Amino acid sequence: MKTIERDILKNSGAGLPELKRAYGQTLRLQSQILSLIYDREAYGFSDGHDRFSKEMSRGENRRGAVTLIIQEPLPSMKRLTEAIEEHWKAMLHEAVKEAARQDQLPYFEKAFVQIEIVTPRGSDNAKLWDTSNRAINVIINNLKGIFFEDDNMEHMAFSVVGKWGKKGVTTIRISELSEAEINQMSD
C-alpha cells in the first residue's frame, strides 16, 4: 500500500508510468488481502463475524426462479487470480445456500442464466468495460450441476448485460429458458 501511495502521490501528481504501476499493484494487493481474509477465517480468527463470502452475497428463491446477488462487479478475465476465483466461488455457493434455505432449488431442463454487472464509473473507464471480457465462466461453471445438467446448448443459455452504477454488484437470475422473454431468430 505504501508503494501504491508513493507512486500516486509522488511529486504531487502521478504520471502515466506511475499510475500503470499502481494499477498492477492494486490487482496483486486485492488477491493478497482476499488470501489473508480467507486464511484467518479458515484458522478461526474471524472474531465471531460472518464469513466474508456470506457478507458479500444473497440468494432469493421465488416462483421457480433463483436470483443470486453478489455485492461486487464480476471481474474481468485479466483480474481473475486464483484467490479472486476462490472468493467468487465461495460467494456464489453462499448465495445458493441461502436460496436453498428458502425453498427447494429448481432444476431446469434448459436453464436461462441472466447476468447483470453493475460497475462504478471511473474517470474514463467507459472505453475499457467490455462485456465479453468478464470472467463469466466462474459463474456458469459453479451453477452447472446445481440448476442444470451441463453448460452446453442443450441445457442452458445465458445473457450478460452491463450498466453503470454508484456501487458495483452482480445479479444472476436462473430460470427455465421457456419462461424467459427472448426473441428467437429463425433461418
Protein backbone atom coordinates (compact mmCIF):
# COMPACT_ATOMS: atom_id res chain seq x y z
CA MET A 1 0.00 0.00 0.00
CA LYS A 2 2.88 2.32 0.73
CA THR A 3 4.27 1.69 -2.77
CA ILE A 4 0.90 2.49 -4.33
CA GLU A 5 0.59 5.63 -2.24
CA ARG A 6 4.13 6.67 -3.17
CA ASP A 7 3.52 6.04 -6.90
CA ILE A 8 0.29 8.02 -6.95
CA LEU A 9 1.27 10.90 -4.69
CA LYS A 10 4.88 11.19 -5.84
CA ASN A 11 5.75 14.80 -6.68
CA SER A 12 2.13 15.93 -6.09
CA GLY A 13 0.80 14.08 -9.13
CA ALA A 14 1.34 10.78 -10.79
CA GLY A 15 2.35 10.35 -14.37
CA LEU A 16 1.17 7.56 -16.65
CA PRO A 17 4.01 5.14 -15.73
CA GLU A 18 3.32 5.57 -12.00
CA LEU A 19 -0.42 5.08 -12.48
CA LYS A 20 0.16 1.90 -14.52
CA ARG A 21 2.50 0.53 -11.86
CA ALA A 22 0.00 1.41 -9.10
CA TYR A 23 -2.79 -0.33 -11.04
CA GLY A 24 -0.76 -3.54 -11.31
CA GLN A 25 -0.01 -3.37 -7.61
CA THR A 26 -3.70 -2.97 -6.69
CA LEU A 27 -4.52 -6.19 -8.55
CA ARG A 28 -1.90 -8.09 -6.55
CA LEU A 29 -2.99 -6.36 -3.36
CA GLN A 30 -6.61 -7.44 -3.83
CA SER A 31 -5.54 -11.09 -4.18
CA GLN A 32 -3.25 -10.85 -1.18
CA ILE A 33 -5.95 -9.28 1.01
CA LEU A 34 -8.50 -11.92 -0.04
CA SER A 35 -5.99 -14.66 0.80
CA LEU A 36 -5.42 -13.15 4.25
CA ILE A 37 -9.16 -12.88 4.91
CA TYR A 38 -9.81 -16.49 3.93
CA ASP A 39 -6.77 -17.76 5.87
CA ARG A 40 -7.98 -16.01 9.03
CA GLU A 41 -11.48 -17.41 8.57
CA ALA A 42 -10.13 -20.92 7.92
CA TYR A 43 -7.94 -20.91 11.01
CA GLY A 44 -10.51 -19.48 13.42
CA PHE A 45 -9.52 -15.84 13.61
CA SER A 46 -12.83 -14.44 12.35
CA ASP A 47 -13.73 -12.94 15.76
CA GLY A 48 -17.35 -14.10 15.52
CA HIS A 49 -18.02 -12.32 12.23
CA ASP A 50 -19.86 -13.93 9.33
CA ARG A 51 -17.65 -15.36 6.62
CA PHE A 52 -16.72 -12.66 4.11
CA SER A 53 -18.34 -14.64 1.28
CA LYS A 54 -21.62 -14.70 3.22
CA GLU A 55 -21.47 -10.94 3.89
CA MET A 56 -20.97 -10.29 0.17
CA SER A 57 -23.80 -12.48 -1.20
CA ARG A 58 -27.53 -13.05 -1.08
CA GLY A 59 -29.85 -15.61 -2.63
CA GLU A 60 -33.58 -15.50 -3.38
CA ASN A 61 -35.71 -18.46 -4.46
CA ARG A 62 -39.16 -17.42 -5.71
CA ARG A 63 -41.71 -18.67 -8.19
CA GLY A 64 -39.45 -21.18 -9.93
CA ALA A 65 -36.53 -18.79 -10.41
CA VAL A 66 -33.42 -18.16 -8.33
CA THR A 67 -31.66 -14.82 -8.03
CA LEU A 68 -28.11 -14.62 -6.69
CA ILE A 69 -26.76 -11.20 -5.72
CA ILE A 70 -23.03 -10.67 -5.31
CA GLN A 71 -22.02 -7.32 -3.83
CA GLU A 72 -19.23 -6.60 -6.30
CA PRO A 73 -18.88 -6.40 -10.06
CA LEU A 74 -17.75 -9.55 -11.83
CA PRO A 75 -14.04 -9.06 -12.53
CA SER A 76 -12.51 -9.12 -15.95
CA MET A 77 -10.71 -12.26 -17.02
CA LYS A 78 -7.43 -10.34 -16.69
CA ARG A 79 -8.08 -9.79 -12.97
CA LEU A 80 -9.17 -13.33 -12.15
CA THR A 81 -6.35 -14.56 -9.94
CA GLU A 82 -6.73 -17.84 -8.07
CA ALA A 83 -7.67 -16.00 -4.86
CA ILE A 84 -10.32 -13.92 -6.61
CA GLU A 85 -11.74 -17.00 -8.35
CA GLU A 86 -11.99 -18.83 -4.99
CA HIS A 87 -13.66 -15.74 -3.50
CA TRP A 88 -16.26 -15.76 -6.29
CA LYS A 89 -16.89 -19.49 -5.89
CA ALA A 90 -17.42 -19.01 -2.15
CA MET A 91 -19.82 -16.07 -2.67
CA LEU A 92 -21.82 -17.98 -5.30
CA HIS A 93 -22.13 -21.04 -3.08
CA GLU A 94 -23.19 -18.92 -0.08
CA ALA A 95 -25.90 -17.27 -2.19
CA VAL A 96 -27.08 -20.68 -3.46
CA LYS A 97 -27.22 -22.00 0.13
CA GLU A 98 -29.35 -19.03 1.18
CA ALA A 99 -31.72 -19.64 -1.75
CA ALA A 100 -31.92 -23.34 -0.84
CA ARG A 101 -32.94 -22.49 2.74
CA GLN A 102 -35.98 -20.61 1.35
CA ASP A 103 -37.33 -23.42 -0.83
CA GLN A 104 -36.18 -26.46 -2.77
CA LEU A 105 -33.88 -25.35 -5.56
CA PRO A 106 -35.33 -25.76 -9.04
CA TYR A 107 -33.53 -27.91 -11.59
CA PHE A 108 -34.08 -26.84 -15.20
CA GLU A 109 -34.15 -28.96 -18.34
CA LYS A 110 -32.89 -25.90 -20.23
CA ALA A 111 -31.91 -23.02 -17.99
CA PHE A 112 -31.59 -19.37 -18.86
CA VAL A 113 -28.91 -17.57 -16.85
CA GLN A 114 -29.17 -13.78 -16.92
CA ILE A 115 -26.13 -11.92 -15.61
CA GLU A 116 -26.24 -8.19 -14.92
CA ILE A 117 -23.00 -6.49 -13.91
CA VAL A 118 -23.23 -3.02 -12.42
CA THR A 119 -19.89 -1.25 -12.40
CA PRO A 120 -18.97 2.06 -10.77
CA ARG A 121 -18.00 4.61 -13.38
CA GLY A 122 -14.41 5.77 -13.17
CA SER A 123 -12.82 8.78 -14.75
CA ASP A 124 -12.50 7.19 -18.19
CA ASN A 125 -13.38 3.52 -17.90
CA ALA A 126 -16.22 3.68 -20.45
CA LYS A 127 -13.73 2.67 -23.12
CA LEU A 128 -12.37 -0.21 -21.00
CA TRP A 129 -15.54 -2.06 -19.97
CA ASP A 130 -16.20 -4.91 -22.36
CA THR A 131 -18.96 -7.40 -21.50
CA SER A 132 -17.25 -10.29 -23.29
CA ASN A 133 -14.07 -9.82 -21.22
CA ARG A 134 -15.76 -10.57 -17.88
CA ALA A 135 -14.98 -13.80 -16.02
CA ILE A 136 -18.36 -15.31 -16.89
CA ASN A 137 -17.14 -18.92 -16.67
CA VAL A 138 -16.66 -18.65 -12.91
CA ILE A 139 -20.44 -18.12 -12.65
CA ILE A 140 -21.60 -20.66 -15.25
CA ASN A 141 -19.26 -23.42 -14.03
CA ASN A 142 -20.46 -23.02 -10.45
CA LEU A 143 -24.15 -23.22 -11.39
CA LYS A 144 -23.70 -26.33 -13.52
CA GLY A 145 -24.90 -29.46 -11.77
CA ILE A 146 -26.95 -27.41 -9.30
CA PHE A 147 -29.52 -25.79 -11.61
CA PHE A 148 -28.89 -27.56 -14.93
CA GLU A 149 -27.02 -30.60 -16.20
CA ASP A 150 -24.31 -29.00 -18.33
CA ASP A 151 -23.36 -25.68 -19.86
CA ASN A 152 -23.91 -26.85 -23.42
CA MET A 153 -26.60 -25.55 -25.79
CA GLU A 154 -28.88 -28.46 -24.90
CA HIS A 155 -29.11 -27.49 -21.23
CA MET A 156 -28.57 -23.76 -20.86
CA ALA A 157 -28.37 -20.34 -22.47
CA PHE A 158 -27.13 -17.11 -20.95
CA SER A 159 -27.04 -13.37 -21.40
CA VAL A 160 -24.73 -10.73 -19.97
CA VAL A 161 -25.53 -7.07 -19.69
CA GLY A 162 -23.55 -4.32 -18.04
CA LYS A 163 -24.53 -0.92 -16.76
CA TRP A 164 -23.05 1.91 -14.75
CA GLY A 165 -24.00 2.47 -11.13
CA LYS A 166 -22.75 4.03 -7.94
CA LYS A 167 -21.81 0.71 -6.38
CA GLY A 168 -20.64 -2.49 -8.05
CA VAL A 169 -22.93 -5.52 -7.91
CA THR A 170 -23.52 -8.67 -9.97
CA THR A 171 -27.03 -10.11 -10.19
CA ILE A 172 -27.56 -13.61 -11.57
CA ARG A 173 -31.07 -14.89 -12.32
CA ILE A 174 -31.60 -18.55 -13.21
CA SER A 175 -34.93 -19.65 -14.69
CA GLU A 176 -36.37 -22.05 -17.24
CA LEU A 177 -35.49 -20.88 -20.75
CA SER A 178 -39.10 -21.25 -21.91
CA GLU A 179 -40.11 -18.72 -19.22
CA ALA A 180 -37.64 -16.09 -20.45
CA GLU A 181 -38.77 -13.46 -22.90
CA ILE A 182 -36.35 -13.98 -25.77
CA ASN A 183 -36.90 -13.13 -29.41
CA GLN A 184 -35.85 -16.29 -31.18
CA MET A 185 -34.19 -15.90 -34.53
CA SER A 186 -35.01 -18.33 -37.31
CA ASP A 187 -33.49 -19.12 -40.68
